[in-house]
């Protein structure tokens, strides 16, 4: 059975925060979780650090890509803020 690969890191959101599908922009100390599902899709989820609720980072899921590299790119985007969204997968 294939288990999804997962990366999770705390990240301070830059000015303008991160854009989510469910509640719009969230700001402050956030946690990013990137999950590479067995179907190949890469999901990005964010939450206020230590909260219970997870939100979908806008632009997620991506159909393919290097999940660890994309996790690092998403962390950089959230640090930069400006309504950060999921990074684009390379063509």
PDB file of N, CA and C in Angstrom:
ATOM      1  N   UNK A   1       0.851  -1.185   0.000  1.00  0.00           N
ATOM      2  CA  UNK A   1       0.000   0.000   0.000  1.00  0.00           C
ATOM      3  C   UNK A   1       0.895   1.246   0.000  1.00  0.00           C
ATOM      4  N   UNK A   2       0.598   2.185  -0.893  1.00  0.00           N
ATOM      5  CA  UNK A   2       1.361   3.430  -0.956  1.00  0.00           C
ATOM      6  C   UNK A   2       0.871   4.404   0.099  1.00  0.00           C
ATOM      7  N   UNK A   3       1.805   4.907   0.886  1.00  0.00           N
ATOM      8  CA  UNK A   3       1.466   5.939   1.856  1.00  0.00           C
ATOM      9  C   UNK A   3       1.890   7.278   1.288  1.00  0.00           C
ATOM     10  N   UNK A   4       1.102   8.318   1.537  1.00  0.00           N
ATOM     11  CA  UNK A   4       1.507   9.615   1.012  1.00  0.00           C
ATOM     12  C   UNK A   4       2.780  10.114   1.687  1.00  0.00           C
ATOM     13  N   UNK A   5       3.576  10.857   0.930  1.00  0.00           N
ATOM     14  CA  UNK A   5       4.727  11.553   1.496  1.00  0.00           C
ATOM     15  C   UNK A   5       4.217  12.883   2.017  1.00  0.00           C
ATOM     16  N   UNK A   6       4.816  13.356   3.118  1.00  0.00           N
ATOM     17  CA  UNK A   6       4.306  14.565   3.749  1.00  0.00           C
ATOM     18  C   UNK A   6       5.454  15.375   4.341  1.00  0.00           C
ATOM     19  N   UNK A   7       5.381  16.684   4.182  1.00  0.00           N
ATOM     20  CA  UNK A   7       6.324  17.618   4.793  1.00  0.00           C
ATOM     21  C   UNK A   7       5.505  18.659   5.534  1.00  0.00           C
ATOM     22  N   UNK A   8       6.006  19.091   6.688  1.00  0.00           N
ATOM     23  CA  UNK A   8       5.276  20.084   7.483  1.00  0.00           C
ATOM     24  C   UNK A   8       6.279  21.004   8.171  1.00  0.00           C
ATOM     25  N   UNK A   9       6.049  22.312   8.038  1.00  0.00           N
ATOM     26  CA  UNK A   9       6.928  23.301   8.654  1.00  0.00           C
ATOM     27  C   UNK A   9       6.128  24.508   9.105  1.00  0.00           C
ATOM     28  N   UNK A  10       6.582  25.113  10.205  1.00  0.00           N
ATOM     29  CA  UNK A  10       6.028  26.391  10.636  1.00  0.00           C
ATOM     30  C   UNK A  10       6.676  27.484   9.803  1.00  0.00           C
ATOM     31  N   UNK A  11       5.892  28.508   9.475  1.00  0.00           N
ATOM     32  CA  UNK A  11       6.396  29.599   8.638  1.00  0.00           C
ATOM     33  C   UNK A  11       5.652  30.886   8.988  1.00  0.00           C
ATOM     34  N   UNK A  12       6.381  31.991   9.213  1.00  0.00           N
ATOM     35  CA  UNK A  12       5.705  33.260   9.439  1.00  0.00           C
ATOM     36  C   UNK A  12       5.245  33.831   8.097  1.00  0.00           C
ATOM     37  N   UNK A  13       3.980  34.180   8.004  1.00  0.00           N
ATOM     38  CA  UNK A  13       3.469  34.746   6.758  1.00  0.00           C
ATOM     39  C   UNK A  13       3.940  36.188   6.617  1.00  0.00           C
ATOM     40  N   UNK A  14       4.396  36.518   5.423  1.00  0.00           N
ATOM     41  CA  UNK A  14       4.798  37.887   5.139  1.00  0.00           C
ATOM     42  C   UNK A  14       3.584  38.794   4.991  1.00  0.00           C
ATOM     43  N   UNK A  15       3.806  40.097   4.790  1.00  0.00           N
ATOM     44  CA  UNK A  15       2.700  41.047   4.632  1.00  0.00           C
ATOM     45  C   UNK A  15       1.775  40.608   3.502  1.00  0.00           C
ATOM     46  N   UNK A  16       0.496  40.540   3.788  1.00  0.00           N
ATOM     47  CA  UNK A  16      -0.468  40.080   2.793  1.00  0.00           C
ATOM     48  C   UNK A  16      -0.803  38.608   2.917  1.00  0.00           C
ATOM     49  N   UNK A  17      -0.055  37.870   3.756  1.00  0.00           N
ATOM     50  CA  UNK A  17      -0.400  36.506   4.128  1.00  0.00           C
ATOM     51  C   UNK A  17      -0.466  35.500   2.992  1.00  0.00           C
ATOM     52  N   UNK A  18      -1.227  34.445   3.261  1.00  0.00           N
ATOM     53  CA  UNK A  18      -1.409  33.331   2.326  1.00  0.00           C
ATOM     54  C   UNK A  18      -2.886  33.220   1.971  1.00  0.00           C
ATOM     55  N   UNK A  19      -3.183  32.988   0.698  1.00  0.00           N
ATOM     56  CA  UNK A  19      -4.561  32.885   0.214  1.00  0.00           C
ATOM     57  C   UNK A  19      -5.060  31.446   0.353  1.00  0.00           C
ATOM     58  N   UNK A  20      -6.243  31.294   0.963  1.00  0.00           N
ATOM     59  CA  UNK A  20      -6.851  29.967   1.089  1.00  0.00           C
ATOM     60  C   UNK A  20      -8.176  29.943   0.339  1.00  0.00           C
ATOM     61  N   UNK A  21      -8.586  28.739  -0.070  1.00  0.00           N
ATOM     62  CA  UNK A  21      -9.863  28.589  -0.770  1.00  0.00           C
ATOM     63  C   UNK A  21     -11.042  28.836   0.165  1.00  0.00           C
ATOM     64  N   UNK A  22     -10.890  28.436   1.428  1.00  0.00           N
ATOM     65  CA  UNK A  22     -12.038  28.440   2.345  1.00  0.00           C
ATOM     66  C   UNK A  22     -12.307  29.798   2.999  1.00  0.00           C
ATOM     67  N   UNK A  23     -11.260  30.500   3.430  1.00  0.00           N
ATOM     68  CA  UNK A  23     -11.478  31.724   4.235  1.00  0.00           C
ATOM     69  C   UNK A  23     -10.724  32.939   3.712  1.00  0.00           C
ATOM     70  N   UNK A  24     -10.147  32.845   2.516  1.00  0.00           N
ATOM     71  CA  UNK A  24      -9.386  33.973   1.986  1.00  0.00           C
ATOM     72  C   UNK A  24      -8.011  34.038   2.625  1.00  0.00           C
ATOM     73  N   UNK A  25      -7.513  35.261   2.800  1.00  0.00           N
ATOM     74  CA  UNK A  25      -6.147  35.452   3.296  1.00  0.00           C
ATOM     75  C   UNK A  25      -6.063  35.160   4.786  1.00  0.00           C
ATOM     76  N   UNK A  26      -5.009  34.408   5.182  1.00  0.00           N
ATOM     77  CA  UNK A  26      -4.685  34.235   6.595  1.00  0.00           C
ATOM     78  C   UNK A  26      -3.266  34.738   6.803  1.00  0.00           C
ATOM     79  N   UNK A  27      -3.017  35.281   7.992  1.00  0.00           N
ATOM     80  CA  UNK A  27      -1.728  35.909   8.284  1.00  0.00           C
ATOM     81  C   UNK A  27      -1.210  35.429   9.627  1.00  0.00           C
ATOM     82  N   UNK A  28       0.025  35.820   9.939  1.00  0.00           N
ATOM     83  CA  UNK A  28       0.604  35.481  11.234  1.00  0.00           C
ATOM     84  C   UNK A  28       1.422  34.219  11.159  1.00  0.00           C
ATOM     85  N   UNK A  29       1.670  33.598  12.327  1.00  0.00           N
ATOM     86  CA  UNK A  29       2.430  32.347  12.345  1.00  0.00           C
ATOM     87  C   UNK A  29       1.570  31.217  11.779  1.00  0.00           C
ATOM     88  N   UNK A  30       2.034  30.603  10.708  1.00  0.00           N
ATOM     89  CA  UNK A  30       1.272  29.548  10.032  1.00  0.00           C
ATOM     90  C   UNK A  30       2.084  28.261  10.008  1.00  0.00           C
ATOM     91  N   UNK A  31       1.389  27.173   9.721  1.00  0.00           N
ATOM     92  CA  UNK A  31       2.020  25.885   9.478  1.00  0.00           C
ATOM     93  C   UNK A  31       1.604  25.442   8.089  1.00  0.00           C
ATOM     94  N   UNK A  32       2.579  25.048   7.278  1.00  0.00           N
ATOM     95  CA  UNK A  32       2.329  24.532   5.933  1.00  0.00           C
ATOM     96  C   UNK A  32       2.538  23.035   5.938  1.00  0.00           C
ATOM     97  N   UNK A  33       1.576  22.305   5.380  1.00  0.00           N
ATOM     98  CA  UNK A  33       1.714  20.855   5.198  1.00  0.00           C
ATOM     99  C   UNK A  33       1.564  20.572   3.706  1.00  0.00           C
ATOM    100  N   UNK A  34       2.544  19.876   3.152  1.00  0.00           N
ATOM    101  CA  UNK A  34       2.523  19.480   1.749  1.00  0.00           C
ATOM    102  C   UNK A  34       2.420  17.961   1.715  1.00  0.00           C
ATOM    103  N   UNK A  35       1.447  17.453   0.975  1.00  0.00           N
ATOM    104  CA  UNK A  35       1.211  16.005   0.912  1.00  0.00           C
ATOM    105  C   UNK A  35       1.265  15.559  -0.545  1.00  0.00           C
ATOM    106  N   UNK A  36       2.149  14.591  -0.819  1.00  0.00           N
ATOM    107  CA  UNK A  36       2.210  13.958  -2.136  1.00  0.00           C
ATOM    108  C   UNK A  36       1.374  12.689  -2.055  1.00  0.00           C
ATOM    109  N   UNK A  37       0.198  12.741  -2.630  1.00  0.00           N
ATOM    110  CA  UNK A  37      -0.743  11.628  -2.546  1.00  0.00           C
ATOM    111  C   UNK A  37      -0.349  10.504  -3.502  1.00  0.00           C
ATOM    112  N   UNK A  38      -0.812   9.284  -3.228  1.00  0.00           N
ATOM    113  CA  UNK A  38      -0.490   8.148  -4.101  1.00  0.00           C
ATOM    114  C   UNK A  38      -0.928   8.365  -5.546  1.00  0.00           C
ATOM    115  N   UNK A  39      -1.943   9.219  -5.791  1.00  0.00           N
ATOM    116  CA  UNK A  39      -2.398   9.463  -7.167  1.00  0.00           C
ATOM    117  C   UNK A  39      -1.497  10.453  -7.904  1.00  0.00           C
ATOM    118  N   UNK A  40      -0.408  10.925  -7.236  1.00  0.00           N
ATOM    119  CA  UNK A  40       0.526  11.830  -7.875  1.00  0.00           C
ATOM    120  C   UNK A  40       0.239  13.301  -7.637  1.00  0.00           C
ATOM    121  N   UNK A  41      -0.953  13.611  -7.142  1.00  0.00           N
ATOM    122  CA  UNK A  41      -1.284  15.010  -6.883  1.00  0.00           C
ATOM    123  C   UNK A  41      -0.574  15.507  -5.617  1.00  0.00           C
ATOM    124  N   UNK A  42      -0.234  16.787  -5.626  1.00  0.00           N
ATOM    125  CA  UNK A  42       0.448  17.406  -4.499  1.00  0.00           C
ATOM    126  C   UNK A  42      -0.477  18.449  -3.899  1.00  0.00           C
ATOM    127  N   UNK A  43      -0.833  18.238  -2.620  1.00  0.00           N
ATOM    128  CA  UNK A  43      -1.755  19.135  -1.914  1.00  0.00           C
ATOM    129  C   UNK A  43      -0.973  20.010  -0.944  1.00  0.00           C
ATOM    130  N   UNK A  44      -1.415  21.264  -0.842  1.00  0.00           N
ATOM    131  CA  UNK A  44      -0.827  22.211   0.100  1.00  0.00           C
ATOM    132  C   UNK A  44      -1.921  22.658   1.052  1.00  0.00           C
ATOM    133  N   UNK A  45      -1.678  22.503   2.340  1.00  0.00           N
ATOM    134  CA  UNK A  45      -2.645  22.901   3.361  1.00  0.00           C
ATOM    135  C   UNK A  45      -1.947  23.823   4.347  1.00  0.00           C
ATOM    136  N   UNK A  46      -2.657  24.844   4.833  1.00  0.00           N
ATOM    137  CA  UNK A  46      -2.088  25.768   5.816  1.00  0.00           C
ATOM    138  C   UNK A  46      -3.047  25.897   6.986  1.00  0.00           C
ATOM    139  N   UNK A  47      -2.490  26.227   8.127  1.00  0.00           N
ATOM    140  CA  UNK A  47      -3.290  26.476   9.313  1.00  0.00           C
ATOM    141  C   UNK A  47      -2.572  27.526  10.149  1.00  0.00           C
ATOM    142  N   UNK A  48      -3.350  28.190  11.019  1.00  0.00           N
ATOM    143  CA  UNK A  48      -2.716  28.996  12.044  1.00  0.00           C
ATOM    144  C   UNK A  48      -1.958  28.005  12.921  1.00  0.00           C
ATOM    145  N   UNK A  49      -0.698  28.285  13.222  1.00  0.00           N
ATOM    146  CA  UNK A  49       0.127  27.355  13.996  1.00  0.00           C
ATOM    147  C   UNK A  49      -0.602  26.949  15.280  1.00  0.00           C
ATOM    148  N   UNK A  50      -0.654  25.656  15.529  1.00  0.00           N
ATOM    149  CA  UNK A  50      -1.288  25.028  16.696  1.00  0.00           C
ATOM    150  C   UNK A  50      -2.820  25.069  16.680  1.00  0.00           C
ATOM    151  N   UNK A  51      -3.432  25.471  15.567  1.00  0.00           N
ATOM    152  CA  UNK A  51      -4.890  25.424  15.456  1.00  0.00           C
ATOM    153  C   UNK A  51      -5.316  24.020  15.016  1.00  0.00           C
ATOM    154  N   UNK A  52      -6.616  23.763  15.054  1.00  0.00           N
ATOM    155  CA  UNK A  52      -7.137  22.463  14.624  1.00  0.00           C
ATOM    156  C   UNK A  52      -7.497  22.455  13.139  1.00  0.00           C
ATOM    157  N   UNK A  53      -7.946  23.584  12.623  1.00  0.00           N
ATOM    158  CA  UNK A  53      -8.491  23.677  11.269  1.00  0.00           C
ATOM    159  C   UNK A  53      -7.390  23.861  10.225  1.00  0.00           C
ATOM    160  N   UNK A  54      -7.451  23.054   9.166  1.00  0.00           N
ATOM    161  CA  UNK A  54      -6.541  23.193   8.026  1.00  0.00           C
ATOM    162  C   UNK A  54      -7.318  23.796   6.872  1.00  0.00           C
ATOM    163  N   UNK A  55      -6.632  24.622   6.066  1.00  0.00           N
ATOM    164  CA  UNK A  55      -7.239  25.248   4.893  1.00  0.00           C
ATOM    165  C   UNK A  55      -6.415  24.885   3.660  1.00  0.00           C
ATOM    166  N   UNK A  56      -7.076  24.883   2.502  1.00  0.00           N
ATOM    167  CA  UNK A  56      -6.402  24.593   1.241  1.00  0.00           C
ATOM    168  C   UNK A  56      -5.720  25.857   0.741  1.00  0.00           C
ATOM    169  N   UNK A  57      -4.405  25.789   0.502  1.00  0.00           N
ATOM    170  CA  UNK A  57      -3.690  26.909  -0.096  1.00  0.00           C
ATOM    171  C   UNK A  57      -4.195  27.043  -1.529  1.00  0.00           C
ATOM    172  N   UNK A  58      -4.658  28.234  -1.903  1.00  0.00           N
ATOM    173  CA  UNK A  58      -5.211  28.437  -3.243  1.00  0.00           C
ATOM    174  C   UNK A  58      -4.216  27.976  -4.301  1.00  0.00           C
ATOM    175  N   UNK A  59      -4.756  27.335  -5.333  1.00  0.00           N
ATOM    176  CA  UNK A  59      -3.923  26.763  -6.387  1.00  0.00           C
ATOM    177  C   UNK A  59      -3.609  25.298  -6.173  1.00  0.00           C
ATOM    178  N   UNK A  60      -4.008  24.758  -5.033  1.00  0.00           N
ATOM    179  CA  UNK A  60      -3.773  23.358  -4.689  1.00  0.00           C
ATOM    180  C   UNK A  60      -5.018  22.551  -5.037  1.00  0.00           C
ATOM    181  N   UNK A  61      -4.870  21.292  -5.455  1.00  0.00           N
ATOM    182  CA  UNK A  61      -3.638  20.522  -5.611  1.00  0.00           C
ATOM    183  C   UNK A  61      -3.009  20.753  -6.984  1.00  0.00           C
ATOM    184  N   UNK A  62      -1.739  20.413  -7.057  1.00  0.00           N
ATOM    185  CA  UNK A  62      -1.031  20.419  -8.334  1.00  0.00           C
ATOM    186  C   UNK A  62      -1.029  18.994  -8.878  1.00  0.00           C
ATOM    187  N   UNK A  63      -1.059  18.846 -10.207  1.00  0.00           N
ATOM    188  CA  UNK A  63      -1.135  17.498 -10.779  1.00  0.00           C
ATOM    189  C   UNK A  63       0.152  16.701 -10.671  1.00  0.00           C
ATOM    190  N   UNK A  64       1.316  17.392 -10.536  1.00  0.00           N
ATOM    191  CA  UNK A  64       2.596  16.670 -10.494  1.00  0.00           C
ATOM    192  C   UNK A  64       3.698  17.632 -10.075  1.00  0.00           C
ATOM    193  N   UNK A  65       4.902  17.096  -9.915  1.00  0.00           N
ATOM    194  CA  UNK A  65       6.068  17.906  -9.583  1.00  0.00           C
ATOM    195  C   UNK A  65       6.865  17.247  -8.465  1.00  0.00           C
ATOM    196  N   UNK A  66       8.001  17.844  -8.135  1.00  0.00           N
ATOM    197  CA  UNK A  66       8.840  17.359  -7.046  1.00  0.00           C
ATOM    198  C   UNK A  66       8.255  17.910  -5.749  1.00  0.00           C
ATOM    199  N   UNK A  67       7.596  17.056  -4.941  1.00  0.00           N
ATOM    200  CA  UNK A  67       6.866  17.581  -3.784  1.00  0.00           C
ATOM    201  C   UNK A  67       7.739  18.313  -2.774  1.00  0.00           C
ATOM    202  N   UNK A  68       8.972  17.834  -2.539  1.00  0.00           N
ATOM    203  CA  UNK A  68       9.813  18.506  -1.546  1.00  0.00           C
ATOM    204  C   UNK A  68      10.253  19.876  -2.058  1.00  0.00           C
ATOM    205  N   UNK A  69      10.618  19.965  -3.335  1.00  0.00           N
ATOM    206  CA  UNK A  69      10.990  21.256  -3.925  1.00  0.00           C
ATOM    207  C   UNK A  69       9.794  22.211  -3.906  1.00  0.00           C
ATOM    208  N   UNK A  70       8.618  21.689  -4.212  1.00  0.00           N
ATOM    209  CA  UNK A  70       7.416  22.534  -4.198  1.00  0.00           C
ATOM    210  C   UNK A  70       7.072  22.976  -2.779  1.00  0.00           C
ATOM    211  N   UNK A  71       7.312  22.109  -1.785  1.00  0.00           N
ATOM    212  CA  UNK A  71       7.100  22.487  -0.377  1.00  0.00           C
ATOM    213  C   UNK A  71       8.005  23.671  -0.034  1.00  0.00           C
ATOM    214  N   UNK A  72       9.279  23.581  -0.417  1.00  0.00           N
ATOM    215  CA  UNK A  72      10.210  24.685  -0.146  1.00  0.00           C
ATOM    216  C   UNK A  72       9.770  25.954  -0.863  1.00  0.00           C
ATOM    217  N   UNK A  73       9.290  25.833  -2.095  1.00  0.00           N
ATOM    218  CA  UNK A  73       8.819  27.000  -2.857  1.00  0.00           C
ATOM    219  C   UNK A  73       7.586  27.615  -2.199  1.00  0.00           C
ATOM    220  N   UNK A  74       6.686  26.770  -1.692  1.00  0.00           N
ATOM    221  CA  UNK A  74       5.494  27.281  -1.008  1.00  0.00           C
ATOM    222  C   UNK A  74       5.873  27.998   0.284  1.00  0.00           C
ATOM    223  N   UNK A  75       6.850  27.456   1.030  1.00  0.00           N
ATOM    224  CA  UNK A  75       7.322  28.136   2.242  1.00  0.00           C
ATOM    225  C   UNK A  75       7.856  29.523   1.901  1.00  0.00           C
ATOM    226  N   UNK A  76       8.657  29.613   0.836  1.00  0.00           N
ATOM    227  CA  UNK A  76       9.221  30.899   0.419  1.00  0.00           C
ATOM    228  C   UNK A  76       8.111  31.866   0.021  1.00  0.00           C
ATOM    229  N   UNK A  77       7.100  31.368  -0.680  1.00  0.00           N
ATOM    230  CA  UNK A  77       5.989  32.227  -1.105  1.00  0.00           C
ATOM    231  C   UNK A  77       5.222  32.758   0.104  1.00  0.00           C
ATOM    232  N   UNK A  78       4.973  31.904   1.099  1.00  0.00           N
ATOM    233  CA  UNK A  78       4.245  32.340   2.297  1.00  0.00           C
ATOM    234  C   UNK A  78       5.084  33.355   3.075  1.00  0.00           C
ATOM    235  N   UNK A  79       6.394  33.124   3.184  1.00  0.00           N
ATOM    236  CA  UNK A  79       7.265  34.100   3.856  1.00  0.00           C
ATOM    237  C   UNK A  79       7.188  35.460   3.166  1.00  0.00           C
ATOM    238  N   UNK A  80       7.063  35.452   1.841  1.00  0.00           N
ATOM    239  CA  UNK A  80       6.991  36.703   1.077  1.00  0.00           C
ATOM    240  C   UNK A  80       5.621  37.361   1.231  1.00  0.00           C
ATOM    241  N   UNK A  81       4.574  36.546   1.462  1.00  0.00           N
ATOM    242  CA  UNK A  81       3.228  37.076   1.648  1.00  0.00           C
ATOM    243  C   UNK A  81       2.547  37.405   0.327  1.00  0.00           C
ATOM    244  N   UNK A  82       1.871  38.563   0.303  1.00  0.00           N
ATOM    245  CA  UNK A  82       1.180  39.019  -0.912  1.00  0.00           C
ATOM    246  C   UNK A  82       0.103  38.040  -1.381  1.00  0.00           C
ATOM    247  N   UNK A  83      -0.639  37.440  -0.435  1.00  0.00           N
ATOM    248  CA  UNK A  83      -1.683  36.491  -0.828  1.00  0.00           C
ATOM    249  C   UNK A  83      -1.101  35.257  -1.482  1.00  0.00           C
ATOM    250  N   UNK A  84      -0.023  34.721  -0.881  1.00  0.00           N
ATOM    251  CA  UNK A  84       0.708  33.582  -1.449  1.00  0.00           C
ATOM    252  C   UNK A  84      -0.231  32.448  -1.828  1.00  0.00           C
ATOM    253  N   UNK A  85       0.076  31.830  -2.964  1.00  0.00           N
ATOM    254  CA  UNK A  85      -0.675  30.665  -3.427  1.00  0.00           C
ATOM    255  C   UNK A  85       0.285  29.519  -3.667  1.00  0.00           C
ATOM    256  N   UNK A  86      -0.265  28.352  -3.985  1.00  0.00           N
ATOM    257  CA  UNK A  86       0.569  27.189  -4.273  1.00  0.00           C
ATOM    258  C   UNK A  86       1.497  27.506  -5.429  1.00  0.00           C
ATOM    259  N   UNK A  87       2.750  27.059  -5.355  1.00  0.00           N
ATOM    260  CA  UNK A  87       3.673  27.300  -6.472  1.00  0.00           C
ATOM    261  C   UNK A  87       3.242  26.501  -7.695  1.00  0.00           C
ATOM    262  N   UNK A  88       3.587  26.989  -8.867  1.00  0.00           N
ATOM    263  CA  UNK A  88       3.239  26.287 -10.082  1.00  0.00           C
ATOM    264  C   UNK A  88       4.182  25.106 -10.280  1.00  0.00           C
ATOM    265  N   UNK A  89       3.624  23.982 -10.701  1.00  0.00           N
ATOM    266  CA  UNK A  89       4.454  22.823 -11.023  1.00  0.00           C
ATOM    267  C   UNK A  89       5.178  23.080 -12.328  1.00  0.00           C
ATOM    268  N   UNK A  90       6.429  22.627 -12.441  1.00  0.00           N
ATOM    269  CA  UNK A  90       7.136  22.807 -13.708  1.00  0.00           C
ATOM    270  C   UNK A  90       6.443  22.050 -14.832  1.00  0.00           C
ATOM    271  N   UNK A  91       6.504  22.589 -16.018  1.00  0.00           N
ATOM    272  CA  UNK A  91       5.818  21.969 -17.165  1.00  0.00           C
ATOM    273  C   UNK A  91       6.525  20.692 -17.589  1.00  0.00           C
TER     274      UNK A  91
END
